Amino acid sequence: MLAKFKRFYSNATAQFSLYSVTITIISITILNWSQILAPLELNIYDFNFGLRPLEKTEDRIVIVKWDDENISALKETTVSDRTLSLLLEKIIEQKPREIGLDLYRDIPVSSPTLADEENLKYYQTLKELFAKSSNVFGIEKVIEPIVDASPILEQKGQVAASDLPVDIDKAIRRSYIYPETTSDGTAAGLPYLGARLAYEYLADEKFSAENFGENALKLYNKQTKIILNPLDSFVGSSTGDKYSFNILVNWRKANPAFKIISVIDVLSNRTPANFFTDKIVLIGGMATSIADRHQIP
């Protein structure tokens, strides 16, 4: 009798363990599929960025910011053609490697402080600057709603995409290499601005790019090979995100992460000597009223 009970107990225990494991697997699968656990996973992911040691300031990149102080001083809600042309002339004098305009320039942008004739003059000046500069890159928004690029920069092939993938909690943890892909997932269209500027910088360092073998971006020179494999999936991406050629951003933990100077300081000749020389220069809005605001880890 005792032996029968032991066998019954052993079988029941084994069945219960099997059921328990099966139910656990099904439950976790359902939770993962429904993304109920996604906020917790993303919080853990972000928390790990905070645990990393401090890094030094990245001195190969300089940011020229358009902020509230500039708006107040120049009486312009956005960077006018006059301001941008004068700014570019001063930056180009110091011979930077590349200049990325995180500003849309598909149409003229007038200054409210100037007459129509003066605005037209500076618009022509800006067009001439675009035409003769081989290292100035503009942006175009390629995912709806679409915003066109500067016609001159587009004609010269000096345009990149401005689109960013946003996670389900509206934070930025990924970056496109190419925002658009073909039906089979192959990169297509314009590269993202950051990727384009990085490639141009590396090209000066004698790096070359291979075709997208197995859908990966491969950069190499005699000493180094860099392979960027796009994400197949990420817990933060929405189920409707059809743009798949993106990578995780390795956010820098530094204070400051990059050297920053304001537009008004550049225009007022308060730029240190060689501040832009041999650098990647990014020009964009950081004003409270107009800048894109995103949460990052």
Protein backbone atom coordinates (compact mmCIF):
# COMPACT_ATOMS: atom_id res chain seq x y z
CA MET A 1 0.00 0.00 0.00
CA LEU A 2 2.78 2.36 0.97
CA ALA A 3 4.66 1.54 -2.25
CA LYS A 4 1.57 2.35 -4.36
CA PHE A 5 1.15 5.66 -2.57
CA LYS A 6 4.80 6.57 -3.17
CA ARG A 7 4.45 5.79 -6.88
CA PHE A 8 1.24 7.84 -7.05
CA TYR A 9 2.88 10.74 -5.21
CA SER A 10 5.96 10.57 -7.47
CA ASN A 11 3.85 10.56 -10.64
CA ALA A 12 1.65 13.38 -9.38
CA THR A 13 4.71 15.46 -8.48
CA ALA A 14 6.25 14.88 -11.90
CA GLN A 15 3.00 15.82 -13.63
CA PHE A 16 2.64 18.93 -11.49
CA SER A 17 6.24 19.97 -12.32
CA LEU A 18 5.62 19.45 -16.03
CA TYR A 19 2.38 21.43 -15.88
CA SER A 20 4.13 24.18 -13.91
CA VAL A 21 6.94 24.49 -16.45
CA THR A 22 4.48 24.45 -19.37
CA ILE A 23 2.24 27.10 -17.81
CA THR A 24 5.29 29.27 -17.00
CA ILE A 25 6.55 29.08 -20.58
CA ILE A 26 3.12 29.90 -21.99
CA SER A 27 2.64 32.77 -19.51
CA ILE A 28 6.02 34.34 -20.26
CA THR A 29 5.45 33.94 -24.01
CA ILE A 30 2.05 35.64 -23.77
CA LEU A 31 3.43 38.43 -21.58
CA ASN A 32 6.33 39.00 -23.94
CA TRP A 33 4.10 38.94 -27.01
CA SER A 34 1.69 41.40 -25.43
CA GLN A 35 4.62 43.65 -24.34
CA ILE A 36 3.27 43.89 -20.79
CA LEU A 37 6.81 43.38 -19.48
CA ALA A 38 8.33 45.86 -21.95
CA PRO A 39 8.36 48.89 -19.58
CA LEU A 40 10.21 46.88 -16.95
CA GLU A 41 12.76 45.62 -19.47
CA LEU A 42 13.31 49.14 -20.83
CA ASN A 43 13.78 50.54 -17.31
CA ILE A 44 16.41 47.90 -16.59
CA TYR A 45 18.09 48.69 -19.91
CA ASP A 46 18.16 52.42 -19.07
CA PHE A 47 19.35 51.76 -15.51
CA ASN A 48 22.43 49.97 -16.83
CA PHE A 49 23.46 53.09 -18.76
CA GLY A 50 23.50 54.97 -15.47
CA LEU A 51 25.87 52.41 -13.95
CA ARG A 52 28.55 52.95 -16.56
CA PRO A 53 31.68 54.96 -15.66
CA LEU A 54 32.08 58.52 -16.88
CA GLU A 55 33.66 59.00 -20.30
CA LYS A 56 35.64 61.94 -21.58
CA THR A 57 34.08 64.62 -23.75
CA GLU A 58 34.01 63.61 -27.42
CA ASP A 59 36.20 66.33 -28.95
CA ARG A 60 35.74 65.29 -32.61
CA ILE A 61 32.19 66.65 -32.61
CA VAL A 62 31.05 70.24 -31.98
CA ILE A 63 27.43 71.35 -31.59
CA VAL A 64 26.33 74.86 -32.55
CA LYS A 65 23.07 75.45 -30.74
CA TRP A 66 20.14 77.68 -31.59
CA ASP A 67 18.51 78.35 -28.23
CA ASP A 68 16.21 80.82 -26.48
CA GLU A 69 19.05 83.30 -25.99
CA ASN A 70 19.61 83.39 -29.75
CA ILE A 71 15.91 83.83 -30.46
CA SER A 72 15.77 86.78 -28.08
CA ALA A 73 18.98 88.40 -29.35
CA LEU A 74 18.35 87.99 -33.09
CA LYS A 75 14.53 88.32 -33.02
CA GLU A 76 14.09 85.17 -35.09
CA THR A 77 12.05 82.15 -34.05
CA THR A 78 14.13 79.96 -36.37
CA VAL A 79 17.49 80.38 -38.07
CA SER A 80 16.99 82.76 -41.00
CA ASP A 81 18.88 82.62 -44.28
CA ARG A 82 20.90 85.64 -43.16
CA THR A 83 21.89 84.08 -39.85
CA LEU A 84 22.70 80.72 -41.42
CA SER A 85 24.81 82.19 -44.23
CA LEU A 86 26.82 84.38 -41.83
CA LEU A 87 27.21 81.43 -39.44
CA LEU A 88 28.42 79.05 -42.15
CA GLU A 89 30.94 81.57 -43.45
CA LYS A 90 32.54 81.85 -40.00
CA ILE A 91 32.55 78.10 -39.39
CA ILE A 92 33.97 77.29 -42.85
CA GLU A 93 36.86 79.70 -42.19
CA GLN A 94 38.19 77.25 -39.59
CA LYS A 95 38.10 74.32 -42.05
CA PRO A 96 35.90 71.70 -40.34
CA ARG A 97 35.70 68.16 -41.75
CA GLU A 98 31.91 68.10 -42.16
CA ILE A 99 29.00 70.37 -41.31
CA GLY A 100 25.60 68.81 -40.63
CA LEU A 101 22.57 71.08 -40.78
CA ASP A 102 19.85 69.71 -38.52
CA LEU A 103 17.64 72.39 -40.05
CA TYR A 104 15.17 72.06 -42.91
CA ARG A 105 15.93 74.32 -45.86
CA ASP A 106 13.40 73.36 -48.52
CA ILE A 107 12.10 76.96 -48.71
CA PRO A 108 13.59 80.41 -48.00
CA VAL A 109 13.51 81.52 -44.36
CA SER A 110 13.25 85.28 -43.97
CA SER A 111 14.27 87.39 -41.00
CA PRO A 112 11.48 89.63 -39.65
CA THR A 113 14.06 92.34 -38.98
CA LEU A 114 15.02 92.72 -42.67
CA ALA A 115 13.32 94.13 -45.72
CA ASP A 116 12.31 91.79 -48.53
CA GLU A 117 15.25 92.87 -50.70
CA GLU A 118 17.76 92.07 -47.95
CA ASN A 119 16.15 88.71 -47.24
CA LEU A 120 16.35 87.86 -50.93
CA LYS A 121 20.03 88.85 -51.00
CA TYR A 122 20.89 86.55 -48.08
CA TYR A 123 18.85 83.72 -49.62
CA GLN A 124 21.01 84.02 -52.75
CA THR A 125 24.14 84.11 -50.57
CA LEU A 126 23.06 80.93 -48.80
CA LYS A 127 22.39 79.19 -52.12
CA GLU A 128 25.87 80.16 -53.33
CA LEU A 129 27.39 78.78 -50.12
CA PHE A 130 25.56 75.49 -50.60
CA ALA A 131 26.66 75.32 -54.23
CA LYS A 132 30.38 75.76 -53.53
CA SER A 133 30.66 73.78 -50.26
CA SER A 134 31.46 70.09 -50.59
CA ASN A 135 31.25 69.31 -46.87
CA VAL A 136 27.86 70.82 -45.92
CA PHE A 137 25.06 68.26 -45.53
CA GLY A 138 21.36 69.07 -45.19
CA ILE A 139 18.43 66.96 -44.02
CA GLU A 140 15.23 65.59 -45.44
CA LYS A 141 12.42 63.81 -43.60
CA VAL A 142 11.72 60.61 -45.54
CA ILE A 143 9.06 59.01 -43.32
CA GLU A 144 5.61 60.59 -43.24
CA PRO A 145 5.10 63.49 -42.83
CA ILE A 146 7.77 64.13 -45.46
CA VAL A 147 9.81 67.36 -45.50
CA ASP A 148 11.97 68.05 -48.56
CA ALA A 149 15.65 68.94 -48.54
CA SER A 150 17.42 71.96 -49.95
CA PRO A 151 17.17 71.53 -53.76
CA ILE A 152 20.82 72.54 -54.22
CA LEU A 153 22.19 70.13 -51.60
CA GLU A 154 19.93 67.38 -52.91
CA GLN A 155 21.18 67.88 -56.45
CA LYS A 156 24.76 67.57 -55.16
CA GLY A 157 23.99 64.42 -53.16
CA GLN A 158 24.73 66.18 -49.86
CA VAL A 159 21.51 65.23 -48.09
CA ALA A 160 20.72 62.78 -45.29
CA ALA A 161 17.59 61.68 -43.46
CA SER A 162 16.47 63.23 -40.19
CA ASP A 163 14.07 60.49 -39.05
CA LEU A 164 14.54 58.67 -35.72
CA PRO A 165 12.85 55.50 -34.44
CA VAL A 166 10.85 56.22 -31.27
CA ASP A 167 10.22 53.44 -28.73
CA ILE A 168 6.83 52.62 -27.24
CA ASP A 169 7.49 54.95 -24.27
CA LYS A 170 8.52 57.80 -26.63
CA ALA A 171 12.21 57.47 -25.74
CA ILE A 172 15.12 57.27 -28.17
CA ARG A 173 17.28 54.17 -27.74
CA ARG A 174 17.84 53.32 -31.41
CA SER A 175 19.07 55.13 -34.47
CA TYR A 176 18.50 54.41 -38.11
CA ILE A 177 21.38 53.66 -40.38
CA TYR A 178 18.85 53.86 -43.20
CA PRO A 179 15.25 54.84 -42.30
CA GLU A 180 13.88 53.17 -45.41
CA THR A 181 14.19 49.56 -46.51
CA THR A 182 13.01 47.52 -49.45
CA SER A 183 10.36 44.81 -49.15
CA ASP A 184 13.07 42.24 -48.36
CA GLY A 185 14.62 44.41 -45.62
CA THR A 186 17.58 45.72 -47.61
CA ALA A 187 18.69 49.29 -46.91
CA ALA A 188 17.37 51.86 -49.35
CA GLY A 189 17.07 55.60 -49.85
CA LEU A 190 18.99 58.14 -47.79
CA PRO A 191 21.18 57.29 -44.79
CA TYR A 192 20.47 58.92 -41.42
CA LEU A 193 22.37 62.19 -40.86
CA GLY A 194 24.54 60.74 -38.08
CA ALA A 195 25.47 57.73 -40.21
CA ARG A 196 26.26 59.90 -43.23
CA LEU A 197 28.52 62.27 -41.26
CA ALA A 198 30.26 59.36 -39.56
CA TYR A 199 30.95 57.73 -42.92
CA GLU A 200 32.28 60.97 -44.42
CA TYR A 201 34.58 61.37 -41.41
CA LEU A 202 35.80 57.78 -41.67
CA ALA A 203 36.31 58.14 -45.42
CA ASP A 204 38.87 60.85 -44.60
CA GLU A 205 40.52 58.24 -42.37
CA LYS A 206 40.85 55.96 -45.43
CA PHE A 207 37.88 53.74 -44.58
CA SER A 208 35.88 52.17 -47.39
CA ALA A 209 32.37 50.71 -47.37
CA GLU A 210 31.36 47.30 -48.67
CA ASN A 211 27.98 46.41 -50.09
CA PHE A 212 25.43 45.34 -47.53
CA GLY A 213 26.34 41.69 -47.27
CA GLU A 214 23.69 39.96 -45.16
CA ASN A 215 22.16 43.41 -44.63
CA ALA A 216 25.07 44.71 -42.52
CA LEU A 217 27.02 47.94 -42.91
CA LYS A 218 30.73 47.13 -43.25
CA LEU A 219 33.45 49.78 -43.03
CA TYR A 220 37.12 48.90 -43.19
CA ASN A 221 40.66 50.10 -43.73
CA LYS A 222 43.99 48.27 -43.58
CA GLN A 223 43.92 47.99 -39.78
CA THR A 224 40.25 47.94 -38.76
CA LYS A 225 36.92 46.51 -39.81
CA ILE A 226 33.64 47.87 -38.43
CA ILE A 227 30.47 45.81 -38.88
CA LEU A 228 27.10 47.25 -37.86
CA ASN A 229 24.37 44.61 -37.86
CA PRO A 230 20.83 45.99 -37.76
CA LEU A 231 18.41 44.88 -35.06
CA ASP A 232 16.01 42.12 -35.99
CA SER A 233 13.78 43.07 -33.05
CA PHE A 234 13.81 45.22 -29.91
CA VAL A 235 11.44 45.20 -26.96
CA GLY A 236 10.95 48.96 -27.23
CA SER A 237 9.90 49.06 -30.86
CA SER A 238 6.22 49.15 -31.68
CA THR A 239 4.65 46.21 -33.49
CA GLY A 240 3.84 48.48 -36.41
CA ASP A 241 7.43 49.66 -36.92
CA LYS A 242 8.19 48.52 -40.46
CA TYR A 243 11.50 50.36 -40.71
CA SER A 244 13.99 47.77 -39.59
CA PHE A 245 17.48 48.99 -40.51
CA ASN A 246 18.38 50.47 -37.13
CA ILE A 247 20.94 49.94 -34.37
CA LEU A 248 21.06 50.57 -30.62
CA VAL A 249 22.59 53.92 -29.69
CA ASN A 250 25.65 53.75 -27.44
CA TRP A 251 24.79 56.88 -25.47
CA ARG A 252 27.82 58.62 -24.01
CA LYS A 253 27.99 59.16 -20.26
CA ALA A 254 30.03 62.36 -20.05
CA ASN A 255 29.58 65.88 -18.75
CA PRO A 256 29.54 67.46 -21.22
CA ALA A 257 29.25 64.77 -23.86
CA PHE A 258 30.24 67.21 -26.64
CA LYS A 259 31.60 70.72 -26.97
CA ILE A 260 28.75 73.20 -27.46
CA ILE A 261 28.72 76.83 -28.56
CA SER A 262 25.77 79.09 -29.34
CA VAL A 263 25.04 80.71 -32.69
CA ILE A 264 25.27 84.20 -31.20
CA ASP A 265 28.76 83.47 -29.82
CA VAL A 266 29.98 82.40 -33.26
CA LEU A 267 28.45 85.45 -34.94
CA SER A 268 29.98 87.71 -32.27
CA ASN A 269 33.47 86.28 -32.92
CA ARG A 270 33.67 84.61 -29.50
CA THR A 271 34.75 81.29 -30.98
CA PRO A 272 38.08 79.90 -29.70
CA ALA A 273 40.82 79.46 -32.28
CA ASN A 274 40.57 76.14 -34.18
CA PHE A 275 37.33 75.30 -32.36
CA PHE A 276 35.83 73.86 -35.57
CA THR A 277 39.03 72.80 -37.28
CA ASP A 278 39.00 69.16 -38.43
CA LYS A 279 35.73 68.55 -36.53
CA ILE A 280 32.24 67.33 -37.34
CA VAL A 281 30.03 70.38 -36.74
CA LEU A 282 26.31 69.95 -36.09
CA ILE A 283 24.00 72.99 -36.24
CA GLY A 284 20.50 72.64 -34.78
CA GLY A 285 17.77 73.94 -32.54
CA MET A 286 17.91 73.49 -28.75
CA ALA A 287 15.41 76.19 -27.78
CA THR A 288 12.62 75.21 -25.41
CA SER A 289 9.97 76.51 -27.79
CA ILE A 290 11.10 74.84 -31.03
CA ALA A 291 13.51 71.96 -30.37
CA ASP A 292 12.57 68.29 -30.55
CA ARG A 293 12.46 66.90 -27.02
CA HIS A 294 13.07 63.19 -26.45
CA GLN A 295 13.85 61.08 -23.42
CA ILE A 296 17.10 59.10 -23.56
CA PRO A 297 18.67 56.57 -21.16
